[in-house]
Amino acid sequence: MERARETSVGAKTVAKAKELWKAEIIELISLEEWLDTLDVVLGGMVFDMHVENLLKMSEVETVSRFDRPKAREKTVYGTSGLRPAAFAAVLIWLERLGFDTHPEAFYEPIIKRIKRASYLDENELTCFWHARERGKFKTSEHFVDAQTKISNVERIVMKGRTGLTIKVNRSTDPLGLIESLQIYRA
C-alpha cells in the first residue's frame, strides 16, 4: 500500500480494454497486463502473489474452455480464464482494498448489456452496483495466516487512500512476514 499511487486511464489501458472486450473468456495473465498498463508496481504485486491466489481471495470463479481434439489427437487441451464481468469484479475488489484499478474503464460496455438482461450473475451485479455507487463506500476485509507461526510481531496502522485504514501485524525480522492484515473504511 505504501507504494500504491494514483493512476489514470491512458491510451494503453483503453487499447487493452478494447482488446479484452473481444474475448468471450479472458486469460488470467491479462489481469496482470491490465494492472501493468496502470502501474507497474500494481501489476508486479499481482505477479508476485499469483493470479490464482488473488482469485481465491476475491472469490471470483474462473471458467474453462476445452478444445475439441482432432481425429488423430489423443489429448484434450483446456484453458482457464475469466468472463468479462468476472474480470471487472476482480478490479472492483482490488479498488475496494485501496488500489486504483479503474474498473469503470473496463465495464462500461458491459453495463449496457446488464441493463437489458433478465437475469444477472453475481459478477454482473457487482459491476452494476459499482457503476451506481456515489461517494465513498464502506468496506471491511480481514486476512489471517493461520499456518505460519510468527514471533516478534509488531502492529502497524496506516491511513491509505480515500480514507482506508490498514492494520498489519508483521514480524520484525528482515523477511517481514505478515501474520494478519485488516483493511476497512467506516
Protein backbone atom coordinates (compact mmCIF):
# COMPACT_ATOMS: atom_id res chain seq x y z
CA MET A 1 0.00 0.00 0.00
CA GLU A 2 2.89 2.36 0.65
CA ARG A 3 3.95 2.15 -2.99
CA ALA A 4 0.39 2.41 -4.36
CA ARG A 5 -0.12 5.63 -6.24
CA GLU A 6 -2.86 7.47 -8.06
CA THR A 7 -3.21 6.18 -11.60
CA SER A 8 -5.09 7.36 -14.64
CA VAL A 9 -6.53 5.61 -17.65
CA GLY A 10 -4.21 6.20 -20.58
CA ALA A 11 -4.32 5.21 -24.23
CA LYS A 12 -2.53 1.94 -23.47
CA THR A 13 -5.20 0.96 -20.91
CA VAL A 14 -8.06 1.85 -23.29
CA ALA A 15 -6.43 -0.19 -26.07
CA LYS A 16 -6.04 -3.15 -23.69
CA ALA A 17 -9.72 -2.87 -22.69
CA LYS A 18 -10.85 -2.90 -26.34
CA GLU A 19 -8.70 -5.96 -26.97
CA LEU A 20 -10.14 -7.78 -23.94
CA TRP A 21 -13.78 -6.93 -24.78
CA LYS A 22 -13.48 -9.03 -27.94
CA ALA A 23 -12.72 -12.20 -25.96
CA GLU A 24 -15.50 -14.34 -24.54
CA ILE A 25 -13.07 -15.74 -21.96
CA ILE A 26 -10.19 -13.53 -20.82
CA GLU A 27 -6.89 -15.23 -19.98
CA LEU A 28 -5.67 -14.93 -16.38
CA ILE A 29 -2.40 -13.30 -17.44
CA SER A 30 -4.45 -10.41 -18.83
CA LEU A 31 -5.21 -9.27 -15.28
CA GLU A 32 -1.51 -8.63 -14.69
CA GLU A 33 -1.21 -6.94 -18.08
CA TRP A 34 -4.19 -4.63 -17.33
CA LEU A 35 -2.70 -3.59 -14.00
CA ASP A 36 0.73 -3.11 -15.61
CA THR A 37 -0.78 -0.56 -18.01
CA LEU A 38 -1.93 1.45 -14.98
CA ASP A 39 1.04 0.99 -12.63
CA VAL A 40 3.97 -1.42 -12.92
CA VAL A 41 4.12 -1.79 -9.12
CA LEU A 42 0.47 -2.90 -9.02
CA GLY A 43 0.99 -5.43 -11.84
CA GLY A 44 4.14 -6.66 -10.10
CA MET A 45 2.22 -7.17 -6.85
CA VAL A 46 -0.28 -9.44 -8.61
CA PHE A 47 2.56 -11.26 -10.38
CA ASP A 48 4.29 -11.87 -7.02
CA MET A 49 1.18 -13.21 -5.32
CA HIS A 50 -0.04 -15.18 -8.38
CA VAL A 51 -3.38 -14.51 -10.05
CA GLU A 52 -4.85 -17.77 -8.73
CA ASN A 53 -4.34 -16.60 -5.13
CA LEU A 54 -5.92 -13.25 -5.95
CA LEU A 55 -8.94 -15.02 -7.44
CA LYS A 56 -9.32 -17.19 -4.32
CA MET A 57 -9.24 -14.14 -2.07
CA SER A 58 -11.68 -12.16 -4.22
CA GLU A 59 -13.93 -15.24 -4.54
CA VAL A 60 -14.30 -14.83 -8.30
CA GLU A 61 -14.76 -18.06 -10.25
CA THR A 62 -12.88 -18.96 -13.40
CA VAL A 63 -14.37 -20.78 -16.36
CA SER A 64 -12.65 -23.34 -18.56
CA ARG A 65 -12.78 -23.87 -22.28
CA PHE A 66 -11.78 -27.19 -23.79
CA ASP A 67 -10.71 -27.52 -27.39
CA ARG A 68 -12.14 -30.47 -29.24
CA PRO A 69 -9.38 -32.87 -30.31
CA LYS A 70 -8.86 -33.58 -33.97
CA ALA A 71 -9.30 -37.10 -35.34
CA ARG A 72 -5.74 -38.28 -34.66
CA GLU A 73 -5.09 -36.38 -31.43
CA LYS A 74 -5.20 -38.23 -28.14
CA THR A 75 -5.20 -35.28 -25.74
CA VAL A 76 -7.68 -32.54 -24.95
CA TYR A 77 -6.44 -29.02 -24.30
CA GLY A 78 -8.17 -26.69 -21.90
CA THR A 79 -7.64 -23.11 -20.83
CA SER A 80 -8.97 -21.29 -17.78
CA GLY A 81 -9.99 -17.68 -17.78
CA LEU A 82 -12.48 -15.09 -16.66
CA ARG A 83 -15.66 -13.84 -18.24
CA PRO A 84 -15.63 -10.04 -18.76
CA ALA A 85 -17.92 -9.35 -15.75
CA ALA A 86 -15.71 -11.54 -13.52
CA PHE A 87 -12.62 -9.68 -14.73
CA ALA A 88 -14.29 -6.38 -13.78
CA ALA A 89 -15.35 -7.83 -10.40
CA VAL A 90 -11.70 -8.57 -9.55
CA LEU A 91 -10.77 -4.99 -10.46
CA ILE A 92 -13.62 -3.70 -8.25
CA TRP A 93 -12.45 -5.89 -5.36
CA LEU A 94 -8.90 -4.54 -5.67
CA GLU A 95 -10.26 -0.99 -5.79
CA ARG A 96 -12.16 -1.58 -2.56
CA LEU A 97 -8.87 -2.59 -0.96
CA GLY A 98 -7.49 0.83 -1.89
CA PHE A 99 -5.76 0.20 -5.22
CA ASP A 100 -6.54 2.49 -8.14
CA THR A 101 -7.60 -0.07 -10.78
CA HIS A 102 -10.21 1.91 -12.78
CA PRO A 103 -12.77 -0.89 -13.25
CA GLU A 104 -15.23 1.59 -14.76
CA ALA A 105 -12.94 1.92 -17.79
CA PHE A 106 -13.39 -1.80 -18.38
CA TYR A 107 -17.06 -2.47 -17.59
CA GLU A 108 -18.73 0.45 -19.43
CA PRO A 109 -19.76 -1.70 -22.45
CA ILE A 110 -20.88 -4.49 -20.10
CA ILE A 111 -23.28 -2.15 -18.24
CA LYS A 112 -25.41 -1.60 -21.35
CA ARG A 113 -25.87 -5.36 -21.73
CA ILE A 114 -26.52 -5.81 -17.99
CA LYS A 115 -29.31 -3.20 -18.01
CA ARG A 116 -31.15 -5.16 -20.72
CA ALA A 117 -30.63 -8.60 -19.14
CA SER A 118 -33.44 -10.53 -17.47
CA TYR A 119 -31.08 -12.41 -15.16
CA LEU A 120 -27.76 -11.37 -13.66
CA ASP A 121 -24.98 -13.40 -12.12
CA GLU A 122 -23.04 -12.24 -9.06
CA ASN A 123 -20.24 -10.57 -11.03
CA GLU A 124 -22.62 -8.67 -13.31
CA LEU A 125 -24.47 -7.43 -10.23
CA THR A 126 -21.16 -6.28 -8.71
CA CYS A 127 -20.43 -4.27 -11.88
CA PHE A 128 -23.95 -2.80 -11.91
CA TRP A 129 -23.81 -1.65 -8.28
CA HIS A 130 -20.29 -0.28 -8.64
CA ALA A 131 -21.49 1.82 -11.59
CA ARG A 132 -24.31 3.22 -9.43
CA GLU A 133 -22.27 3.92 -6.28
CA ARG A 134 -21.84 7.53 -5.29
CA GLY A 135 -19.13 8.71 -2.93
CA LYS A 136 -17.10 6.53 -0.61
CA PHE A 137 -18.35 3.08 0.29
CA LYS A 138 -17.93 1.04 3.44
CA THR A 139 -15.62 -1.92 3.20
CA SER A 140 -14.01 -4.41 5.53
CA GLU A 141 -11.56 -7.20 4.68
CA HIS A 142 -9.52 -9.30 7.12
CA PHE A 143 -6.81 -11.82 6.16
CA VAL A 144 -5.00 -14.11 8.62
CA ASP A 145 -2.12 -16.53 8.04
CA ALA A 146 -3.26 -19.44 10.21
CA GLN A 147 -0.47 -21.81 9.14
CA THR A 148 2.73 -19.89 9.86
CA LYS A 149 3.72 -19.24 13.47
CA ILE A 150 5.35 -15.81 13.63
CA SER A 151 7.25 -14.47 16.62
CA ASN A 152 8.28 -10.87 17.41
CA VAL A 153 5.16 -9.35 15.87
CA GLU A 154 4.74 -5.59 15.54
CA ARG A 155 1.47 -3.83 14.74
CA ILE A 156 1.48 -1.12 12.08
CA VAL A 157 -1.52 1.12 11.41
CA MET A 158 -1.57 3.21 8.23
CA LYS A 159 -4.10 5.51 6.64
CA GLY A 160 -4.48 4.61 2.98
CA ARG A 161 -6.00 6.43 0.05
CA THR A 162 -9.64 7.52 0.22
CA GLY A 163 -9.91 7.06 3.98
CA LEU A 164 -8.94 3.39 4.23
CA THR A 165 -7.41 2.21 7.50
CA ILE A 166 -4.87 -0.59 7.17
CA LYS A 167 -3.74 -2.60 10.21
CA VAL A 168 -0.85 -5.01 9.69
CA ASN A 169 0.64 -7.46 12.19
CA ARG A 170 4.06 -8.42 10.84
CA SER A 171 7.30 -9.89 12.11
CA THR A 172 10.24 -7.64 12.89
CA ASP A 173 12.78 -9.91 11.16
CA PRO A 174 14.20 -8.96 7.71
CA LEU A 175 11.58 -11.06 5.87
CA GLY A 176 8.74 -9.06 7.40
CA LEU A 177 6.19 -11.88 7.15
CA ILE A 178 2.60 -10.76 7.63
CA GLU A 179 0.55 -12.52 10.31
CA SER A 180 -2.70 -10.64 9.72
CA LEU A 181 -3.98 -7.80 7.58
CA GLN A 182 -7.15 -5.80 8.18
CA ILE A 183 -8.42 -3.18 5.74
CA TYR A 184 -11.55 -1.18 6.46
CA ARG A 185 -13.41 2.08 5.93
CA ALA A 186 -16.27 3.00 8.26
